[in-house]
Amino acid sequence: DDGELYLYYTAAGDESADDLNYTQRIA
C-alpha cells in the first residue's frame, strides 16, 4: 500500500510456552 508492506499472518502457539501448543491469534 503506497510502498508500505503489511504481512498479515496467524501467530500459532504461545511463544512464551515451553511446549508446542495451538493457541491462535491474528498478527
PDB file of all heavy atoms in Angstrom:
ATOM      1  N   ASP A   1       0.835  -1.187   0.000  1.00  0.00           N
ATOM      2  CA  ASP A   1       0.000   0.000   0.000  1.00  0.00           C
ATOM      3  C   ASP A   1       0.881   1.251   0.000  1.00  0.00           C
ATOM      4  O   ASP A   1       1.486   1.599   1.016  1.00  0.00           O
ATOM      5  CB  ASP A   1      -0.904  -0.007   1.238  1.00  0.00           C
ATOM      6  CG  ASP A   1      -1.949   1.080   1.208  1.00  0.00           C
ATOM      7  OD1 ASP A   1      -2.449   1.408   0.120  1.00  0.00           O
ATOM      8  OD2 ASP A   1      -2.270   1.606   2.293  1.00  0.00           O
ATOM      9  N   ASP A   2       0.961   1.899  -1.165  1.00  0.00           N
ATOM     10  CA  ASP A   2       1.785   3.111  -1.300  1.00  0.00           C
ATOM     11  C   ASP A   2       3.212   2.875  -0.824  1.00  0.00           C
ATOM     12  O   ASP A   2       3.798   3.697  -0.097  1.00  0.00           O
ATOM     13  CB  ASP A   2       1.159   4.275  -0.522  1.00  0.00           C
ATOM     14  CG  ASP A   2      -0.116   4.782  -1.175  1.00  0.00           C
ATOM     15  OD1 ASP A   2      -0.244   4.639  -2.408  1.00  0.00           O
ATOM     16  OD2 ASP A   2      -0.988   5.295  -0.453  1.00  0.00           O
ATOM     17  N   GLY A   3       3.773   1.747  -1.216  1.00  0.00           N
ATOM     18  CA  GLY A   3       5.150   1.435  -0.874  1.00  0.00           C
ATOM     19  C   GLY A   3       5.335   0.785   0.481  1.00  0.00           C
ATOM     20  O   GLY A   3       6.443   0.324   0.804  1.00  0.00           O
ATOM     21  N   GLU A   4       4.260   0.717   1.290  1.00  0.00           N
ATOM     22  CA  GLU A   4       4.343   0.094   2.610  1.00  0.00           C
ATOM     23  C   GLU A   4       3.873  -1.354   2.525  1.00  0.00           C
ATOM     24  O   GLU A   4       2.902  -1.661   1.823  1.00  0.00           O
ATOM     25  CB  GLU A   4       3.480   0.853   3.615  1.00  0.00           C
ATOM     26  CG  GLU A   4       3.891   2.297   3.836  1.00  0.00           C
ATOM     27  CD  GLU A   4       5.226   2.411   4.536  1.00  0.00           C
ATOM     28  OE1 GLU A   4       5.542   1.548   5.381  1.00  0.00           O
ATOM     29  OE2 GLU A   4       5.979   3.365   4.231  1.00  0.00           O
ATOM     30  N   LEU A   5       4.550  -2.230   3.268  1.00  0.00           N
ATOM     31  CA  LEU A   5       4.203  -3.652   3.297  1.00  0.00           C
ATOM     32  C   LEU A   5       3.517  -3.992   4.609  1.00  0.00           C
ATOM     33  O   LEU A   5       3.958  -3.581   5.698  1.00  0.00           O
ATOM     34  CB  LEU A   5       5.467  -4.509   3.174  1.00  0.00           C
ATOM     35  CG  LEU A   5       6.007  -4.786   1.777  1.00  0.00           C
ATOM     36  CD1 LEU A   5       7.358  -5.488   1.892  1.00  0.00           C
ATOM     37  CD2 LEU A   5       5.046  -5.631   0.980  1.00  0.00           C
ATOM     38  N   TYR A   6       2.440  -4.749   4.503  1.00  0.00           N
ATOM     39  CA  TYR A   6       1.741  -5.279   5.673  1.00  0.00           C
ATOM     40  C   TYR A   6       1.544  -6.774   5.422  1.00  0.00           C
ATOM     41  O   TYR A   6       0.822  -7.147   4.490  1.00  0.00           O
ATOM     42  CB  TYR A   6       0.391  -4.594   5.878  1.00  0.00           C
ATOM     43  CG  TYR A   6       0.504  -3.101   6.082  1.00  0.00           C
ATOM     44  CD1 TYR A   6       0.492  -2.236   4.983  1.00  0.00           C
ATOM     45  CD2 TYR A   6       0.631  -2.559   7.357  1.00  0.00           C
ATOM     46  CE1 TYR A   6       0.593  -0.868   5.153  1.00  0.00           C
ATOM     47  CE2 TYR A   6       0.735  -1.183   7.536  1.00  0.00           C
ATOM     48  CZ  TYR A   6       0.724  -0.342   6.430  1.00  0.00           C
ATOM     49  OH  TYR A   6       0.829   1.019   6.605  1.00  0.00           O
ATOM     50  N   LEU A   7       2.172  -7.581   6.228  1.00  0.00           N
ATOM     51  CA  LEU A   7       2.041  -9.033   6.074  1.00  0.00           C
ATOM     52  C   LEU A   7       1.225  -9.568   7.245  1.00  0.00           C
ATOM     53  O   LEU A   7       1.709  -9.650   8.382  1.00  0.00           O
ATOM     54  CB  LEU A   7       3.416  -9.691   6.011  1.00  0.00           C
ATOM     55  CG  LEU A   7       3.447 -11.182   5.719  1.00  0.00           C
ATOM     56  CD1 LEU A   7       2.621 -11.522   4.476  1.00  0.00           C
ATOM     57  CD2 LEU A   7       4.868 -11.666   5.528  1.00  0.00           C
ATOM     58  N   TYR A   8      -0.039  -9.892   6.963  1.00  0.00           N
ATOM     59  CA  TYR A   8      -0.938 -10.443   7.973  1.00  0.00           C
ATOM     60  C   TYR A   8      -0.716 -11.947   8.061  1.00  0.00           C
ATOM     61  O   TYR A   8      -0.606 -12.631   7.037  1.00  0.00           O
ATOM     62  CB  TYR A   8      -2.389 -10.150   7.604  1.00  0.00           C
ATOM     63  CG  TYR A   8      -2.686  -8.675   7.468  1.00  0.00           C
ATOM     64  CD1 TYR A   8      -2.686  -8.060   6.214  1.00  0.00           C
ATOM     65  CD2 TYR A   8      -2.951  -7.892   8.580  1.00  0.00           C
ATOM     66  CE1 TYR A   8      -2.943  -6.702   6.078  1.00  0.00           C
ATOM     67  CE2 TYR A   8      -3.211  -6.531   8.456  1.00  0.00           C
ATOM     68  CZ  TYR A   8      -3.199  -5.939   7.205  1.00  0.00           C
ATOM     69  OH  TYR A   8      -3.447  -4.591   7.083  1.00  0.00           O
ATOM     70  N   TYR A   9      -0.662 -12.467   9.276  1.00  0.00           N
ATOM     71  CA  TYR A   9      -0.409 -13.888   9.441  1.00  0.00           C
ATOM     72  C   TYR A   9      -1.050 -14.407  10.724  1.00  0.00           C
ATOM     73  O   TYR A   9      -1.506 -13.621  11.573  1.00  0.00           O
ATOM     74  CB  TYR A   9       1.097 -14.186   9.432  1.00  0.00           C
ATOM     75  CG  TYR A   9       1.891 -13.575  10.569  1.00  0.00           C
ATOM     76  CD1 TYR A   9       2.150 -14.290  11.745  1.00  0.00           C
ATOM     77  CD2 TYR A   9       2.427 -12.287  10.472  1.00  0.00           C
ATOM     78  CE1 TYR A   9       2.900 -13.741  12.774  1.00  0.00           C
ATOM     79  CE2 TYR A   9       3.180 -11.726  11.489  1.00  0.00           C
ATOM     80  CZ  TYR A   9       3.404 -12.455  12.651  1.00  0.00           C
ATOM     81  OH  TYR A   9       4.140 -11.904  13.678  1.00  0.00           O
ATOM     82  N   THR A  10      -1.110 -15.708  10.852  1.00  0.00           N
ATOM     83  CA  THR A  10      -1.606 -16.359  12.055  1.00  0.00           C
ATOM     84  C   THR A  10      -0.433 -16.664  12.966  1.00  0.00           C
ATOM     85  O   THR A  10       0.482 -17.400  12.575  1.00  0.00           O
ATOM     86  CB  THR A  10      -2.338 -17.666  11.711  1.00  0.00           C
ATOM     87  OG1 THR A  10      -3.352 -17.406  10.743  1.00  0.00           O
ATOM     88  CG2 THR A  10      -2.949 -18.284  12.958  1.00  0.00           C
ATOM     89  N   ALA A  11      -0.431 -16.084  14.158  1.00  0.00           N
ATOM     90  CA  ALA A  11       0.569 -16.424  15.162  1.00  0.00           C
ATOM     91  C   ALA A  11       0.074 -17.682  15.873  1.00  0.00           C
ATOM     92  O   ALA A  11      -0.839 -17.624  16.699  1.00  0.00           O
ATOM     93  CB  ALA A  11       0.763 -15.278  16.142  1.00  0.00           C
ATOM     94  N   ALA A  12       0.653 -18.814  15.528  1.00  0.00           N
ATOM     95  CA  ALA A  12       0.200 -20.110  16.041  1.00  0.00           C
ATOM     96  C   ALA A  12       1.088 -20.529  17.203  1.00  0.00           C
ATOM     97  O   ALA A  12       2.313 -20.619  17.060  1.00  0.00           O
ATOM     98  CB  ALA A  12       0.241 -21.157  14.940  1.00  0.00           C
ATOM     99  N   GLY A  13       0.473 -20.787  18.335  1.00  0.00           N
ATOM    100  CA  GLY A  13       1.220 -21.190  19.516  1.00  0.00           C
ATOM    101  C   GLY A  13       1.689 -19.990  20.317  1.00  0.00           C
ATOM    102  O   GLY A  13       1.987 -18.923  19.776  1.00  0.00           O
ATOM    103  N   ASP A  14       1.758 -20.182  21.619  1.00  0.00           N
ATOM    104  CA  ASP A  14       2.218 -19.140  22.542  1.00  0.00           C
ATOM    105  C   ASP A  14       3.736 -19.216  22.631  1.00  0.00           C
ATOM    106  O   ASP A  14       4.291 -20.195  23.139  1.00  0.00           O
ATOM    107  CB  ASP A  14       1.573 -19.366  23.910  1.00  0.00           C
ATOM    108  CG  ASP A  14       2.004 -18.338  24.938  1.00  0.00           C
ATOM    109  OD1 ASP A  14       2.847 -17.471  24.614  1.00  0.00           O
ATOM    110  OD2 ASP A  14       1.501 -18.406  26.077  1.00  0.00           O
ATOM    111  N   GLU A  15       4.406 -18.186  22.130  1.00  0.00           N
ATOM    112  CA  GLU A  15       5.871 -18.223  22.088  1.00  0.00           C
ATOM    113  C   GLU A  15       6.517 -18.237  23.468  1.00  0.00           C
ATOM    114  O   GLU A  15       7.704 -18.544  23.600  1.00  0.00           O
ATOM    115  CB  GLU A  15       6.405 -17.045  21.273  1.00  0.00           C
ATOM    116  CG  GLU A  15       6.046 -15.674  21.789  1.00  0.00           C
ATOM    117  CD  GLU A  15       4.767 -15.122  21.176  1.00  0.00           C
ATOM    118  OE1 GLU A  15       3.909 -15.925  20.774  1.00  0.00           O
ATOM    119  OE2 GLU A  15       4.638 -13.886  21.113  1.00  0.00           O
ATOM    120  N   SER A  16       5.748 -17.894  24.521  1.00  0.00           N
ATOM    121  CA  SER A  16       6.306 -17.932  25.872  1.00  0.00           C
ATOM    122  C   SER A  16       6.195 -19.311  26.518  1.00  0.00           C
ATOM    123  O   SER A  16       6.756 -19.532  27.601  1.00  0.00           O
ATOM    124  CB  SER A  16       5.596 -16.901  26.757  1.00  0.00           C
ATOM    125  OG  SER A  16       4.225 -17.257  26.950  1.00  0.00           O
ATOM    126  N   ALA A  17       5.489 -20.241  25.879  1.00  0.00           N
ATOM    127  CA  ALA A  17       5.299 -21.582  26.443  1.00  0.00           C
ATOM    128  C   ALA A  17       6.466 -22.495  26.085  1.00  0.00           C
ATOM    129  O   ALA A  17       7.101 -22.339  25.036  1.00  0.00           O
ATOM    130  CB  ALA A  17       3.991 -22.178  25.937  1.00  0.00           C
ATOM    131  N   ASP A  18       6.738 -23.451  26.950  1.00  0.00           N
ATOM    132  CA  ASP A  18       7.816 -24.402  26.701  1.00  0.00           C
ATOM    133  C   ASP A  18       7.397 -25.477  25.711  1.00  0.00           C
ATOM    134  O   ASP A  18       8.217 -25.947  24.918  1.00  0.00           O
ATOM    135  CB  ASP A  18       8.257 -25.060  28.015  1.00  0.00           C
ATOM    136  CG  ASP A  18       8.908 -24.071  28.976  1.00  0.00           C
ATOM    137  OD1 ASP A  18       9.524 -23.095  28.481  1.00  0.00           O
ATOM    138  OD2 ASP A  18       8.782 -24.263  30.201  1.00  0.00           O
ATOM    139  N   ASP A  19       6.131 -25.875  25.759  1.00  0.00           N
ATOM    140  CA  ASP A  19       5.653 -26.958  24.903  1.00  0.00           C
ATOM    141  C   ASP A  19       4.870 -26.404  23.712  1.00  0.00           C
ATOM    142  O   ASP A  19       4.257 -25.328  23.783  1.00  0.00           O
ATOM    143  CB  ASP A  19       4.756 -27.916  25.702  1.00  0.00           C
ATOM    144  CG  ASP A  19       5.510 -28.595  26.843  1.00  0.00           C
ATOM    145  OD1 ASP A  19       6.709 -28.888  26.658  1.00  0.00           O
ATOM    146  OD2 ASP A  19       4.883 -28.798  27.901  1.00  0.00           O
ATOM    147  N   LEU A  20       4.858 -27.174  22.643  1.00  0.00           N
ATOM    148  CA  LEU A  20       4.099 -26.795  21.455  1.00  0.00           C
ATOM    149  C   LEU A  20       2.617 -26.741  21.789  1.00  0.00           C
ATOM    150  O   LEU A  20       2.080 -27.656  22.410  1.00  0.00           O
ATOM    151  CB  LEU A  20       4.355 -27.813  20.342  1.00  0.00           C
ATOM    152  CG  LEU A  20       3.830 -27.454  18.958  1.00  0.00           C
ATOM    153  CD1 LEU A  20       4.704 -26.378  18.327  1.00  0.00           C
ATOM    154  CD2 LEU A  20       3.817 -28.692  18.060  1.00  0.00           C
ATOM    155  N   ASN A  21       1.942 -25.655  21.395  1.00  0.00           N
ATOM    156  CA  ASN A  21       0.507 -25.564  21.627  1.00  0.00           C
ATOM    157  C   ASN A  21      -0.157 -24.918  20.418  1.00  0.00           C
ATOM    158  O   ASN A  21       0.501 -24.514  19.466  1.00  0.00           O
ATOM    159  CB  ASN A  21       0.199 -24.820  22.934  1.00  0.00           C
ATOM    160  CG  ASN A  21       0.711 -23.393  22.929  1.00  0.00           C
ATOM    161  OD1 ASN A  21       0.244 -22.553  22.150  1.00  0.00           O
ATOM    162  ND2 ASN A  21       1.682 -23.089  23.784  1.00  0.00           N
ATOM    163  N   TYR A  22      -1.486 -24.819  20.480  1.00  0.00           N
ATOM    164  CA  TYR A  22      -2.265 -24.432  19.300  1.00  0.00           C
ATOM    165  C   TYR A  22      -3.080 -23.162  19.516  1.00  0.00           C
ATOM    166  O   TYR A  22      -4.061 -22.928  18.826  1.00  0.00           O
ATOM    167  CB  TYR A  22      -3.150 -25.608  18.868  1.00  0.00           C
ATOM    168  CG  TYR A  22      -2.327 -26.774  18.395  1.00  0.00           C
ATOM    169  CD1 TYR A  22      -1.857 -27.732  19.297  1.00  0.00           C
ATOM    170  CD2 TYR A  22      -1.964 -26.884  17.066  1.00  0.00           C
ATOM    171  CE1 TYR A  22      -1.061 -28.785  18.862  1.00  0.00           C
ATOM    172  CE2 TYR A  22      -1.172 -27.932  16.624  1.00  0.00           C
ATOM    173  CZ  TYR A  22      -0.726 -28.874  17.528  1.00  0.00           C
ATOM    174  OH  TYR A  22       0.077 -29.910  17.096  1.00  0.00           O
ATOM    175  N   THR A  23      -2.658 -22.333  20.469  1.00  0.00           N
ATOM    176  CA  THR A  23      -3.250 -21.012  20.600  1.00  0.00           C
ATOM    177  C   THR A  23      -3.108 -20.270  19.278  1.00  0.00           C
ATOM    178  O   THR A  23      -2.095 -20.381  18.591  1.00  0.00           O
ATOM    179  CB  THR A  23      -2.543 -20.229  21.721  1.00  0.00           C
ATOM    180  OG1 THR A  23      -2.768 -20.890  22.962  1.00  0.00           O
ATOM    181  CG2 THR A  23      -3.051 -18.808  21.805  1.00  0.00           C
ATOM    182  N   GLN A  24      -4.131 -19.491  18.912  1.00  0.00           N
ATOM    183  CA  GLN A  24      -4.091 -18.773  17.639  1.00  0.00           C
ATOM    184  C   GLN A  24      -4.560 -17.338  17.822  1.00  0.00           C
ATOM    185  O   GLN A  24      -5.546 -17.085  18.499  1.00  0.00           O
ATOM    186  CB  GLN A  24      -4.983 -19.480  16.601  1.00  0.00           C
ATOM    187  CG  GLN A  24      -4.530 -20.875  16.255  1.00  0.00           C
ATOM    188  CD  GLN A  24      -5.607 -21.687  15.567  1.00  0.00           C
ATOM    189  OE1 GLN A  24      -6.329 -21.173  14.718  1.00  0.00           O
ATOM    190  NE2 GLN A  24      -5.728 -22.954  15.937  1.00  0.00           N
ATOM    191  N   ARG A  25      -3.843 -16.427  17.200  1.00  0.00           N
ATOM    192  CA  ARG A  25      -4.252 -15.026  17.156  1.00  0.00           C
ATOM    193  C   ARG A  25      -3.778 -14.445  15.828  1.00  0.00           C
ATOM    194  O   ARG A  25      -2.894 -14.996  15.172  1.00  0.00           O
ATOM    195  CB  ARG A  25      -3.684 -14.254  18.339  1.00  0.00           C
ATOM    196  CG  ARG A  25      -2.171 -14.195  18.409  1.00  0.00           C
ATOM    197  CD  ARG A  25      -1.747 -13.763  19.825  1.00  0.00           C
ATOM    198  NE  ARG A  25      -0.343 -13.394  19.918  1.00  0.00           N
ATOM    199  CZ  ARG A  25       0.654 -14.254  20.094  1.00  0.00           C
ATOM    200  NH1 ARG A  25       0.401 -15.564  20.162  1.00  0.00           N
ATOM    201  NH2 ARG A  25       1.895 -13.830  20.209  1.00  0.00           N
ATOM    202  N   ILE A  26      -4.390 -13.348  15.437  1.00  0.00           N
ATOM    203  CA  ILE A  26      -4.079 -12.746  14.147  1.00  0.00           C
ATOM    204  C   ILE A  26      -3.099 -11.603  14.365  1.00  0.00           C
ATOM    205  O   ILE A  26      -3.319 -10.723  15.213  1.00  0.00           O
ATOM    206  CB  ILE A  26      -5.363 -12.278  13.454  1.00  0.00           C
ATOM    207  CG1 ILE A  26      -6.191 -13.517  13.060  1.00  0.00           C
ATOM    208  CG2 ILE A  26      -5.054 -11.432  12.226  1.00  0.00           C
ATOM    209  CD1 ILE A  26      -7.555 -13.208  12.518  1.00  0.00           C
ATOM    210  N   ALA A  27      -2.017 -11.636  13.611  1.00  0.00           N
ATOM    211  CA  ALA A  27      -0.929 -10.689  13.790  1.00  0.00           C
ATOM    212  C   ALA A  27      -0.574 -10.038  12.461  1.00  0.00           C
ATOM    213  O   ALA A  27      -1.023 -10.464  11.388  1.00  0.00           O
ATOM    214  CB  ALA A  27       0.292 -11.404  14.376  1.00  0.00           C
TER     215      ALA A  27
END
